[in-house]
C-alpha cells in the first residue's frame, strides 16, 4: 500500500509540474490526503506492534 501511495504522489507531481494539469490547490490537497492516509496507516501498524491483539477463548457449556 505504501508503494501505491508513493506512486500516486509521484503521478500527482508529474501532473502538476510537467504537464500542468493540476492547479496548486488541487496538488496540495491531493498530496496532503495521501500523506495523511499514509501516516494513519503507519500509526495503526505501530499500535499493533505495541499492543498485540489479545484473543480470548470462551468455553460455552
PDB file of N, CA and C in Angstrom:
ATOM      1  N   UNK A   1       0.824  -1.190   0.000  1.00  0.00           N
ATOM      2  CA  UNK A   1       0.000   0.000   0.000  1.00  0.00           C
ATOM      3  C   UNK A   1       0.869   1.255   0.000  1.00  0.00           C
ATOM      4  N   UNK A   2       1.995   1.185   0.689  1.00  0.00           N
ATOM      5  CA  UNK A   2       2.901   2.332   0.713  1.00  0.00           C
ATOM      6  C   UNK A   2       3.425   2.655  -0.681  1.00  0.00           C
ATOM      7  N   UNK A   3       3.707   1.621  -1.454  1.00  0.00           N
ATOM      8  CA  UNK A   3       4.200   1.846  -2.817  1.00  0.00           C
ATOM      9  C   UNK A   3       3.127   2.478  -3.696  1.00  0.00           C
ATOM     10  N   UNK A   4       1.866   2.110  -3.489  1.00  0.00           N
ATOM     11  CA  UNK A   4       0.777   2.720  -4.254  1.00  0.00           C
ATOM     12  C   UNK A   4       0.637   4.206  -3.922  1.00  0.00           C
ATOM     13  N   UNK A   5       0.758   4.534  -2.652  1.00  0.00           N
ATOM     14  CA  UNK A   5       0.673   5.936  -2.245  1.00  0.00           C
ATOM     15  C   UNK A   5       1.859   6.720  -2.795  1.00  0.00           C
ATOM     16  N   UNK A   6       3.052   6.112  -2.754  1.00  0.00           N
ATOM     17  CA  UNK A   6       4.226   6.784  -3.317  1.00  0.00           C
ATOM     18  C   UNK A   6       4.053   6.995  -4.821  1.00  0.00           C
ATOM     19  N   UNK A   7       3.498   6.003  -5.517  1.00  0.00           N
ATOM     20  CA  UNK A   7       3.247   6.146  -6.946  1.00  0.00           C
ATOM     21  C   UNK A   7       2.228   7.225  -7.247  1.00  0.00           C
ATOM     22  N   UNK A   8       1.189   7.316  -6.418  1.00  0.00           N
ATOM     23  CA  UNK A   8       0.175   8.355  -6.603  1.00  0.00           C
ATOM     24  C   UNK A   8       0.764   9.745  -6.356  1.00  0.00           C
ATOM     25  N   UNK A   9       1.634   9.862  -5.357  1.00  0.00           N
ATOM     26  CA  UNK A   9       2.308  11.144  -5.120  1.00  0.00           C
ATOM     27  C   UNK A   9       3.208  11.523  -6.295  1.00  0.00           C
ATOM     28  N   UNK A  10       3.903  10.542  -6.839  1.00  0.00           N
ATOM     29  CA  UNK A  10       4.757  10.803  -7.993  1.00  0.00           C
ATOM     30  C   UNK A  10       3.924  11.193  -9.213  1.00  0.00           C
ATOM     31  N   UNK A  11       2.810  10.509  -9.428  1.00  0.00           N
ATOM     32  CA  UNK A  11       1.926  10.844 -10.549  1.00  0.00           C
ATOM     33  C   UNK A  11       1.363  12.255 -10.380  1.00  0.00           C
ATOM     34  N   UNK A  12       0.983  12.615  -9.163  1.00  0.00           N
ATOM     35  CA  UNK A  12       0.500  13.968  -8.901  1.00  0.00           C
ATOM     36  C   UNK A  12       1.565  15.014  -9.162  1.00  0.00           C
ATOM     37  N   UNK A  13       2.786  14.700  -8.797  1.00  0.00           N
ATOM     38  CA  UNK A  13       3.908  15.617  -9.043  1.00  0.00           C
ATOM     39  C   UNK A  13       4.123  15.822 -10.544  1.00  0.00           C
ATOM     40  N   UNK A  14       4.065  14.733 -11.296  1.00  0.00           N
ATOM     41  CA  UNK A  14       4.238  14.835 -12.753  1.00  0.00           C
ATOM     42  C   UNK A  14       3.093  15.624 -13.370  1.00  0.00           C
ATOM     43  N   UNK A  15       1.851  15.342 -12.928  1.00  0.00           N
ATOM     44  CA  UNK A  15       0.703  16.073 -13.465  1.00  0.00           C
ATOM     45  C   UNK A  15       0.761  17.559 -13.118  1.00  0.00           C
ATOM     46  N   UNK A  16       1.345  17.889 -11.990  1.00  0.00           N
ATOM     47  CA  UNK A  16       1.416  19.297 -11.582  1.00  0.00           C
ATOM     48  C   UNK A  16       2.548  20.034 -12.274  1.00  0.00           C
ATOM     49  N   UNK A  17       3.762  19.492 -12.188  1.00  0.00           N
ATOM     50  CA  UNK A  17       4.929  20.249 -12.669  1.00  0.00           C
ATOM     51  C   UNK A  17       5.145  20.144 -14.175  1.00  0.00           C
ATOM     52  N   UNK A  18       5.088  18.959 -14.707  1.00  0.00           N
ATOM     53  CA  UNK A  18       5.498  18.778 -16.091  1.00  0.00           C
ATOM     54  C   UNK A  18       4.350  18.954 -17.078  1.00  0.00           C
ATOM     55  N   UNK A  19       3.171  18.471 -16.739  1.00  0.00           N
ATOM     56  CA  UNK A  19       2.039  18.549 -17.657  1.00  0.00           C
ATOM     57  C   UNK A  19       1.206  19.799 -17.399  1.00  0.00           C
ATOM     58  N   UNK A  20       1.131  20.228 -16.151  1.00  0.00           N
ATOM     59  CA  UNK A  20       0.355  21.416 -15.809  1.00  0.00           C
ATOM     60  C   UNK A  20      -1.131  21.150 -15.705  1.00  0.00           C
ATOM     61  N   UNK A  21      -1.500  19.888 -15.499  1.00  0.00           N
ATOM     62  CA  UNK A  21      -2.912  19.520 -15.437  1.00  0.00           C
ATOM     63  C   UNK A  21      -3.554  19.956 -14.124  1.00  0.00           C
ATOM     64  N   UNK A  22      -2.827  19.803 -13.014  1.00  0.00           N
ATOM     65  CA  UNK A  22      -3.377  20.130 -11.693  1.00  0.00           C
ATOM     66  C   UNK A  22      -3.024  21.568 -11.311  1.00  0.00           C
ATOM     67  N   UNK A  23      -3.946  22.216 -10.623  1.00  0.00           N
ATOM     68  CA  UNK A  23      -3.627  23.516 -10.040  1.00  0.00           C
ATOM     69  C   UNK A  23      -2.850  23.288  -8.747  1.00  0.00           C
ATOM     70  N   UNK A  24      -2.282  24.345  -8.218  1.00  0.00           N
ATOM     71  CA  UNK A  24      -1.503  24.218  -6.981  1.00  0.00           C
ATOM     72  C   UNK A  24      -2.390  23.759  -5.834  1.00  0.00           C
ATOM     73  N   UNK A  25      -3.594  24.279  -5.763  1.00  0.00           N
ATOM     74  CA  UNK A  25      -4.513  23.893  -4.681  1.00  0.00           C
ATOM     75  C   UNK A  25      -4.881  22.420  -4.772  1.00  0.00           C
ATOM     76  N   UNK A  26      -5.196  21.965  -5.967  1.00  0.00           N
ATOM     77  CA  UNK A  26      -5.549  20.551  -6.144  1.00  0.00           C
ATOM     78  C   UNK A  26      -4.366  19.655  -5.808  1.00  0.00           C
ATOM     79  N   UNK A  27      -3.171  20.053  -6.219  1.00  0.00           N
ATOM     80  CA  UNK A  27      -1.980  19.271  -5.906  1.00  0.00           C
ATOM     81  C   UNK A  27      -1.746  19.201  -4.406  1.00  0.00           C
ATOM     82  N   UNK A  28      -1.884  20.325  -3.715  1.00  0.00           N
ATOM     83  CA  UNK A  28      -1.659  20.334  -2.268  1.00  0.00           C
ATOM     84  C   UNK A  28      -2.699  19.498  -1.532  1.00  0.00           C
ATOM     85  N   UNK A  29      -3.944  19.574  -1.950  1.00  0.00           N
ATOM     86  CA  UNK A  29      -4.990  18.773  -1.306  1.00  0.00           C
ATOM     87  C   UNK A  29      -4.739  17.291  -1.534  1.00  0.00           C
ATOM     88  N   UNK A  30      -4.411  16.922  -2.771  1.00  0.00           N
ATOM     89  CA  UNK A  30      -4.127  15.523  -3.090  1.00  0.00           C
ATOM     90  C   UNK A  30      -2.930  15.011  -2.308  1.00  0.00           C
ATOM     91  N   UNK A  31      -1.845  15.784  -2.278  1.00  0.00           N
ATOM     92  CA  UNK A  31      -0.641  15.365  -1.558  1.00  0.00           C
ATOM     93  C   UNK A  31      -0.904  15.254  -0.063  1.00  0.00           C
ATOM     94  N   UNK A  32      -1.667  16.183   0.502  1.00  0.00           N
ATOM     95  CA  UNK A  32      -1.973  16.115   1.931  1.00  0.00           C
ATOM     96  C   UNK A  32      -2.793  14.878   2.252  1.00  0.00           C
ATOM     97  N   UNK A  33      -3.813  14.603   1.433  1.00  0.00           N
ATOM     98  CA  UNK A  33      -4.664  13.434   1.697  1.00  0.00           C
ATOM     99  C   UNK A  33      -3.862  12.140   1.626  1.00  0.00           C
ATOM    100  N   UNK A  34      -2.999  12.017   0.637  1.00  0.00           N
ATOM    101  CA  UNK A  34      -2.198  10.803   0.511  1.00  0.00           C
ATOM    102  C   UNK A  34      -1.194  10.672   1.656  1.00  0.00           C
ATOM    103  N   UNK A  35      -0.521  11.763   1.997  1.00  0.00           N
ATOM    104  CA  UNK A  35       0.463  11.710   3.084  1.00  0.00           C
ATOM    105  C   UNK A  35      -0.215  11.445   4.424  1.00  0.00           C
ATOM    106  N   UNK A  36      -1.368  12.054   4.655  1.00  0.00           N
ATOM    107  CA  UNK A  36      -2.086  11.832   5.911  1.00  0.00           C
ATOM    108  C   UNK A  36      -2.584  10.397   6.003  1.00  0.00           C
ATOM    109  N   UNK A  37      -3.070   9.854   4.894  1.00  0.00           N
ATOM    110  CA  UNK A  37      -3.503   8.454   4.874  1.00  0.00           C
ATOM    111  C   UNK A  37      -2.342   7.535   5.207  1.00  0.00           C
ATOM    112  N   UNK A  38      -1.177   7.825   4.637  1.00  0.00           N
ATOM    113  CA  UNK A  38      -0.009   7.004   4.917  1.00  0.00           C
ATOM    114  C   UNK A  38       0.388   7.096   6.388  1.00  0.00           C
ATOM    115  N   UNK A  39       0.325   8.290   6.970  1.00  0.00           N
ATOM    116  CA  UNK A  39       0.662   8.441   8.391  1.00  0.00           C
ATOM    117  C   UNK A  39      -0.313   7.688   9.287  1.00  0.00           C
ATOM    118  N   UNK A  40      -1.599   7.723   8.965  1.00  0.00           N
ATOM    119  CA  UNK A  40      -2.588   6.987   9.757  1.00  0.00           C
ATOM    120  C   UNK A  40      -2.308   5.496   9.674  1.00  0.00           C
ATOM    121  N   UNK A  41      -1.987   5.006   8.487  1.00  0.00           N
ATOM    122  CA  UNK A  41      -1.649   3.590   8.341  1.00  0.00           C
ATOM    123  C   UNK A  41      -0.400   3.236   9.137  1.00  0.00           C
ATOM    124  N   UNK A  42       0.594   4.125   9.138  1.00  0.00           N
ATOM    125  CA  UNK A  42       1.813   3.890   9.909  1.00  0.00           C
ATOM    126  C   UNK A  42       1.511   3.814  11.400  1.00  0.00           C
ATOM    127  N   UNK A  43       0.707   4.751  11.914  1.00  0.00           N
ATOM    128  CA  UNK A  43       0.384   4.742  13.339  1.00  0.00           C
ATOM    129  C   UNK A  43      -0.430   3.511  13.720  1.00  0.00           C
ATOM    130  N   UNK A  44      -1.312   3.053  12.842  1.00  0.00           N
ATOM    131  CA  UNK A  44      -2.060   1.833  13.126  1.00  0.00           C
ATOM    132  C   UNK A  44      -1.126   0.630  13.200  1.00  0.00           C
ATOM    133  N   UNK A  45      -0.165   0.581  12.284  1.00  0.00           N
ATOM    134  CA  UNK A  45       0.788  -0.537  12.290  1.00  0.00           C
ATOM    135  C   UNK A  45       1.652  -0.495  13.544  1.00  0.00           C
ATOM    136  N   UNK A  46       2.128   0.687  13.928  1.00  0.00           N
ATOM    137  CA  UNK A  46       2.934   0.804  15.142  1.00  0.00           C
ATOM    138  C   UNK A  46       2.127   0.448  16.379  1.00  0.00           C
ATOM    139  N   UNK A  47       0.853   0.826  16.401  1.00  0.00           N
ATOM    140  CA  UNK A  47       0.000   0.492  17.529  1.00  0.00           C
ATOM    141  C   UNK A  47      -0.193  -1.017  17.626  1.00  0.00           C
ATOM    142  N   UNK A  48      -0.301  -1.693  16.483  1.00  0.00           N
ATOM    143  CA  UNK A  48      -0.424  -3.149  16.506  1.00  0.00           C
ATOM    144  C   UNK A  48       0.827  -3.802  17.073  1.00  0.00           C
ATOM    145  N   UNK A  49       1.998  -3.227  16.810  1.00  0.00           N
ATOM    146  CA  UNK A  49       3.224  -3.780  17.361  1.00  0.00           C
ATOM    147  C   UNK A  49       3.330  -3.533  18.858  1.00  0.00           C
ATOM    148  N   UNK A  50       2.825  -2.388  19.304  1.00  0.00           N
ATOM    149  CA  UNK A  50       2.919  -2.066  20.725  1.00  0.00           C
ATOM    150  C   UNK A  50       1.883  -2.804  21.557  1.00  0.00           C
ATOM    151  N   UNK A  51       0.690  -2.962  21.015  1.00  0.00           N
ATOM    152  CA  UNK A  51      -0.387  -3.648  21.725  1.00  0.00           C
ATOM    153  C   UNK A  51      -0.872  -4.819  20.883  1.00  0.00           C
ATOM    154  N   UNK A  52      -0.277  -5.981  21.073  1.00  0.00           N
ATOM    155  CA  UNK A  52      -0.709  -7.124  20.268  1.00  0.00           C
ATOM    156  C   UNK A  52      -2.176  -7.471  20.548  1.00  0.00           C
ATOM    157  N   UNK A  53      -2.807  -8.024  19.556  1.00  0.00           N
ATOM    158  CA  UNK A  53      -4.215  -8.404  19.694  1.00  0.00           C
ATOM    159  C   UNK A  53      -4.321  -9.560  20.678  1.00  0.00           C
ATOM    160  N   UNK A  54      -5.172  -9.374  21.663  1.00  0.00           N
ATOM    161  CA  UNK A  54      -5.389 -10.427  22.649  1.00  0.00           C
ATOM    162  C   UNK A  54      -6.626 -11.209  22.255  1.00  0.00           C
ATOM    163  N   UNK A  55      -6.462 -12.480  22.151  1.00  0.00           N
ATOM    164  CA  UNK A  55      -7.605 -13.319  21.824  1.00  0.00           C
ATOM    165  C   UNK A  55      -8.074 -14.026  23.092  1.00  0.00           C
ATOM    166  N   UNK A  56      -9.353 -14.023  23.264  1.00  0.00           N
ATOM    167  CA  UNK A  56      -9.937 -14.679  24.415  1.00  0.00           C
ATOM    168  C   UNK A  56     -10.683 -15.907  23.931  1.00  0.00           C
ATOM    169  N   UNK A  57     -10.416 -17.019  24.558  1.00  0.00           N
ATOM    170  CA  UNK A  57     -11.110 -18.252  24.215  1.00  0.00           C
ATOM    171  C   UNK A  57     -12.176 -18.501  25.266  1.00  0.00           C
ATOM    172  N   UNK A  58     -13.405 -18.382  24.852  1.00  0.00           N
ATOM    173  CA  UNK A  58     -14.530 -18.625  25.758  1.00  0.00           C
ATOM    174  C   UNK A  58     -15.067 -20.016  25.536  1.00  0.00           C
ATOM    175  N   UNK A  59     -15.324 -20.696  26.627  1.00  0.00           N
ATOM    176  CA  UNK A  59     -15.885 -22.046  26.556  1.00  0.00           C
ATOM    177  C   UNK A  59     -17.347 -21.931  26.978  1.00  0.00           C
ATOM    178  N   UNK A  60     -18.226 -22.282  26.079  1.00  0.00           N
ATOM    179  CA  UNK A  60     -19.654 -22.233  26.359  1.00  0.00           C
ATOM    180  C   UNK A  60     -20.092 -23.639  26.738  1.00  0.00           C
ATOM    181  N   UNK A  61     -20.732 -23.740  27.907  1.00  0.00           N
ATOM    182  CA  UNK A  61     -21.187 -25.055  28.378  1.00  0.00           C
ATOM    183  C   UNK A  61     -22.675 -25.135  28.330  1.00  0.00           C
TER     184      UNK A  61
END
